[in-house]
């Protein structure tokens, strides 16, 4: 059993790990994690990152195809959220344009709805780096 602490892209990995191996992790701390690649493409300042994570070519000139959206969803940690059982602490910057706080909040809502302990630490003046966190 182990805990996991990760930020940004590492938060994407941490969310995958606690969802896919729920018996191994006893706690998780995630800083501005990417949770859902499909919703990130319309809210982030780097939508191409979502496509990169899913192994899909990105084109700024067209909307994603239904097939691409399905692949993005399948590669997202949110599809494993229903298996998370360990407590989760989410550190979220309110002004983050890279990974909007809605990403972490969506995980928080799902966990709380299932009775899994989840806490959000909200940093109203911070963006992606969370510079005010000591």
C-alpha atoms as a PDB file:
ATOM      1  CA  UNK A   1       0.000   0.000   0.000  1.00  0.00           C
ATOM      2  CA  UNK A   2       1.251   3.465  -0.851  1.00  0.00           C
ATOM      3  CA  UNK A   3       0.243   7.101  -1.173  1.00  0.00           C
ATOM      4  CA  UNK A   4       0.710   9.178  -4.309  1.00  0.00           C
ATOM      5  CA  UNK A   5       1.416  12.880  -4.715  1.00  0.00           C
ATOM      6  CA  UNK A   6       1.493  14.412  -8.198  1.00  0.00           C
ATOM      7  CA  UNK A   7       0.940  17.619 -10.113  1.00  0.00           C
ATOM      8  CA  UNK A   8      -0.165  18.620 -13.608  1.00  0.00           C
ATOM      9  CA  UNK A   9       0.554  15.751 -16.026  1.00  0.00           C
ATOM     10  CA  UNK A  10       1.499  13.696 -12.997  1.00  0.00           C
ATOM     11  CA  UNK A  11      -2.001  14.361 -11.678  1.00  0.00           C
ATOM     12  CA  UNK A  12      -3.331  12.750 -14.846  1.00  0.00           C
ATOM     13  CA  UNK A  13      -1.216   9.697 -14.088  1.00  0.00           C
ATOM     14  CA  UNK A  14      -2.101   9.709 -10.373  1.00  0.00           C
ATOM     15  CA  UNK A  15      -5.822   9.809 -11.151  1.00  0.00           C
ATOM     16  CA  UNK A  16      -5.372   6.861 -13.499  1.00  0.00           C
ATOM     17  CA  UNK A  17      -3.397   4.916 -10.894  1.00  0.00           C
ATOM     18  CA  UNK A  18      -5.785   5.393  -7.953  1.00  0.00           C
ATOM     19  CA  UNK A  19      -8.682   4.441 -10.228  1.00  0.00           C
ATOM     20  CA  UNK A  20      -7.063   1.425 -11.831  1.00  0.00           C
ATOM     21  CA  UNK A  21      -5.278   0.130  -8.700  1.00  0.00           C
ATOM     22  CA  UNK A  22      -7.578   1.190  -5.854  1.00  0.00           C
ATOM     23  CA  UNK A  23      -6.296  -1.448  -3.434  1.00  0.00           C
ATOM     24  CA  UNK A  24      -2.689  -0.264  -3.747  1.00  0.00           C
ATOM     25  CA  UNK A  25      -3.039   3.442  -2.904  1.00  0.00           C
ATOM     26  CA  UNK A  26      -4.225   4.521   0.536  1.00  0.00           C
ATOM     27  CA  UNK A  27      -4.320   8.245  -0.325  1.00  0.00           C
ATOM     28  CA  UNK A  28      -3.784  10.635  -3.232  1.00  0.00           C
ATOM     29  CA  UNK A  29      -2.832  14.299  -3.483  1.00  0.00           C
ATOM     30  CA  UNK A  30      -3.292  15.848  -6.916  1.00  0.00           C
ATOM     31  CA  UNK A  31      -2.329  19.361  -7.929  1.00  0.00           C
ATOM     32  CA  UNK A  32      -4.315  20.746 -10.889  1.00  0.00           C
ATOM     33  CA  UNK A  33      -4.897  17.271 -12.360  1.00  0.00           C
ATOM     34  CA  UNK A  34      -6.159  16.523 -15.853  1.00  0.00           C
ATOM     35  CA  UNK A  35      -9.230  14.328 -15.290  1.00  0.00           C
ATOM     36  CA  UNK A  36     -11.250  14.406 -18.512  1.00  0.00           C
ATOM     37  CA  UNK A  37      -9.534  14.975 -21.866  1.00  0.00           C
ATOM     38  CA  UNK A  38     -12.844  15.565 -23.664  1.00  0.00           C
ATOM     39  CA  UNK A  39     -13.865  18.534 -21.514  1.00  0.00           C
ATOM     40  CA  UNK A  40     -10.322  19.907 -21.347  1.00  0.00           C
ATOM     41  CA  UNK A  41     -10.177  20.497 -25.107  1.00  0.00           C
ATOM     42  CA  UNK A  42     -12.833  23.207 -24.899  1.00  0.00           C
ATOM     43  CA  UNK A  43     -11.638  24.912 -21.731  1.00  0.00           C
ATOM     44  CA  UNK A  44      -7.828  24.801 -21.766  1.00  0.00           C
ATOM     45  CA  UNK A  45      -5.263  27.089 -23.372  1.00  0.00           C
ATOM     46  CA  UNK A  46      -3.552  24.001 -24.827  1.00  0.00           C
ATOM     47  CA  UNK A  47      -6.227  21.719 -26.308  1.00  0.00           C
ATOM     48  CA  UNK A  48      -3.597  19.938 -28.392  1.00  0.00           C
ATOM     49  CA  UNK A  49      -2.256  18.356 -25.183  1.00  0.00           C
ATOM     50  CA  UNK A  50      -5.428  16.300 -24.812  1.00  0.00           C
ATOM     51  CA  UNK A  51      -5.030  14.889 -28.293  1.00  0.00           C
ATOM     52  CA  UNK A  52      -1.350  14.153 -27.650  1.00  0.00           C
ATOM     53  CA  UNK A  53      -2.236  12.202 -24.475  1.00  0.00           C
ATOM     54  CA  UNK A  54      -4.730  10.130 -26.473  1.00  0.00           C
ATOM     55  CA  UNK A  55      -2.366   9.566 -29.411  1.00  0.00           C
ATOM     56  CA  UNK A  56      -4.566  11.474 -31.839  1.00  0.00           C
ATOM     57  CA  UNK A  57      -3.499  14.057 -34.427  1.00  0.00           C
ATOM     58  CA  UNK A  58      -4.729  17.547 -33.608  1.00  0.00           C
ATOM     59  CA  UNK A  59      -6.041  20.055 -36.123  1.00  0.00           C
ATOM     60  CA  UNK A  60      -7.001  23.579 -35.019  1.00  0.00           C
ATOM     61  CA  UNK A  61      -9.191  23.993 -38.105  1.00  0.00           C
ATOM     62  CA  UNK A  62     -11.771  21.265 -37.437  1.00  0.00           C
ATOM     63  CA  UNK A  63     -13.911  20.021 -34.584  1.00  0.00           C
ATOM     64  CA  UNK A  64     -12.995  16.617 -33.159  1.00  0.00           C
ATOM     65  CA  UNK A  65     -14.772  13.681 -34.769  1.00  0.00           C
ATOM     66  CA  UNK A  66     -17.087  11.456 -32.713  1.00  0.00           C
ATOM     67  CA  UNK A  67     -14.408   8.749 -32.941  1.00  0.00           C
ATOM     68  CA  UNK A  68     -11.757  11.120 -31.579  1.00  0.00           C
ATOM     69  CA  UNK A  69     -14.034  12.146 -28.698  1.00  0.00           C
ATOM     70  CA  UNK A  70     -14.607   8.488 -27.811  1.00  0.00           C
ATOM     71  CA  UNK A  71     -10.865   7.851 -27.805  1.00  0.00           C
ATOM     72  CA  UNK A  72     -10.234  10.935 -25.657  1.00  0.00           C
ATOM     73  CA  UNK A  73     -12.857   9.763 -23.168  1.00  0.00           C
ATOM     74  CA  UNK A  74     -11.457   6.232 -23.055  1.00  0.00           C
ATOM     75  CA  UNK A  75      -7.970   7.597 -22.240  1.00  0.00           C
ATOM     76  CA  UNK A  76      -9.258   9.861 -19.446  1.00  0.00           C
ATOM     77  CA  UNK A  77      -8.896   9.060 -15.728  1.00  0.00           C
ATOM     78  CA  UNK A  78     -12.557   9.965 -15.215  1.00  0.00           C
ATOM     79  CA  UNK A  79     -13.583   6.576 -16.635  1.00  0.00           C
ATOM     80  CA  UNK A  80     -11.930   4.905 -13.633  1.00  0.00           C
ATOM     81  CA  UNK A  81     -13.184   7.345 -10.987  1.00  0.00           C
ATOM     82  CA  UNK A  82     -15.963   4.985  -9.917  1.00  0.00           C
ATOM     83  CA  UNK A  83     -13.288   2.570  -8.635  1.00  0.00           C
ATOM     84  CA  UNK A  84     -11.447   5.089  -6.403  1.00  0.00           C
ATOM     85  CA  UNK A  85     -11.821   4.251  -2.723  1.00  0.00           C
ATOM     86  CA  UNK A  86      -8.925   6.107  -1.069  1.00  0.00           C
ATOM     87  CA  UNK A  87      -9.152   9.701   0.214  1.00  0.00           C
ATOM     88  CA  UNK A  88      -8.198  12.357  -2.343  1.00  0.00           C
ATOM     89  CA  UNK A  89      -6.894  15.883  -1.771  1.00  0.00           C
ATOM     90  CA  UNK A  90      -7.149  18.213  -4.767  1.00  0.00           C
ATOM     91  CA  UNK A  91      -5.112  21.430  -4.907  1.00  0.00           C
ATOM     92  CA  UNK A  92      -6.697  23.735  -7.501  1.00  0.00           C
ATOM     93  CA  UNK A  93      -5.728  27.145  -8.853  1.00  0.00           C
ATOM     94  CA  UNK A  94      -8.835  29.201  -9.647  1.00  0.00           C
ATOM     95  CA  UNK A  95      -7.079  31.067 -12.472  1.00  0.00           C
ATOM     96  CA  UNK A  96      -5.490  28.035 -14.125  1.00  0.00           C
ATOM     97  CA  UNK A  97      -5.949  28.223 -17.890  1.00  0.00           C
ATOM     98  CA  UNK A  98      -3.759  25.191 -18.634  1.00  0.00           C
ATOM     99  CA  UNK A  99      -5.790  22.717 -16.554  1.00  0.00           C
ATOM    100  CA  UNK A 100      -8.988  24.523 -15.575  1.00  0.00           C
ATOM    101  CA  UNK A 101     -10.123  23.833 -12.009  1.00  0.00           C
ATOM    102  CA  UNK A 102     -13.307  22.286 -13.401  1.00  0.00           C
ATOM    103  CA  UNK A 103     -11.160  19.216 -14.070  1.00  0.00           C
ATOM    104  CA  UNK A 104     -10.451  18.599 -10.381  1.00  0.00           C
ATOM    105  CA  UNK A 105     -13.922  19.706  -9.321  1.00  0.00           C
ATOM    106  CA  UNK A 106     -15.529  17.089 -11.563  1.00  0.00           C
ATOM    107  CA  UNK A 107     -13.522  14.353  -9.831  1.00  0.00           C
ATOM    108  CA  UNK A 108     -14.355  15.821  -6.421  1.00  0.00           C
ATOM    109  CA  UNK A 109     -18.099  15.784  -7.183  1.00  0.00           C
ATOM    110  CA  UNK A 110     -18.004  12.177  -8.379  1.00  0.00           C
ATOM    111  CA  UNK A 111     -16.071  10.996  -5.338  1.00  0.00           C
ATOM    112  CA  UNK A 112     -18.297  12.833  -2.862  1.00  0.00           C
ATOM    113  CA  UNK A 113     -21.435  11.479  -4.568  1.00  0.00           C
ATOM    114  CA  UNK A 114     -20.083   7.974  -3.950  1.00  0.00           C
ATOM    115  CA  UNK A 115     -19.166   8.694  -0.321  1.00  0.00           C
ATOM    116  CA  UNK A 116     -15.399   8.721  -0.954  1.00  0.00           C
ATOM    117  CA  UNK A 117     -13.475  11.221   1.144  1.00  0.00           C
ATOM    118  CA  UNK A 118     -12.404  14.123  -1.074  1.00  0.00           C
ATOM    119  CA  UNK A 119     -11.207  17.600  -0.176  1.00  0.00           C
ATOM    120  CA  UNK A 120     -10.494  20.617  -2.351  1.00  0.00           C
ATOM    121  CA  UNK A 121      -7.956  23.266  -1.433  1.00  0.00           C
ATOM    122  CA  UNK A 122      -8.868  26.308  -3.510  1.00  0.00           C
ATOM    123  CA  UNK A 123      -6.237  28.899  -4.382  1.00  0.00           C
ATOM    124  CA  UNK A 124      -8.237  31.888  -5.704  1.00  0.00           C
ATOM    125  CA  UNK A 125      -5.271  33.932  -6.951  1.00  0.00           C
ATOM    126  CA  UNK A 126      -3.199  31.096  -8.422  1.00  0.00           C
ATOM    127  CA  UNK A 127      -2.964  29.727 -11.907  1.00  0.00           C
ATOM    128  CA  UNK A 128      -1.212  26.528 -13.012  1.00  0.00           C
ATOM    129  CA  UNK A 129       1.948  26.644 -10.832  1.00  0.00           C
ATOM    130  CA  UNK A 130       0.093  27.366  -7.533  1.00  0.00           C
ATOM    131  CA  UNK A 131       2.792  29.799  -6.424  1.00  0.00           C
ATOM    132  CA  UNK A 132       1.078  30.652  -3.136  1.00  0.00           C
ATOM    133  CA  UNK A 133       1.353  27.072  -1.859  1.00  0.00           C
ATOM    134  CA  UNK A 134       4.176  27.011   0.648  1.00  0.00           C
END
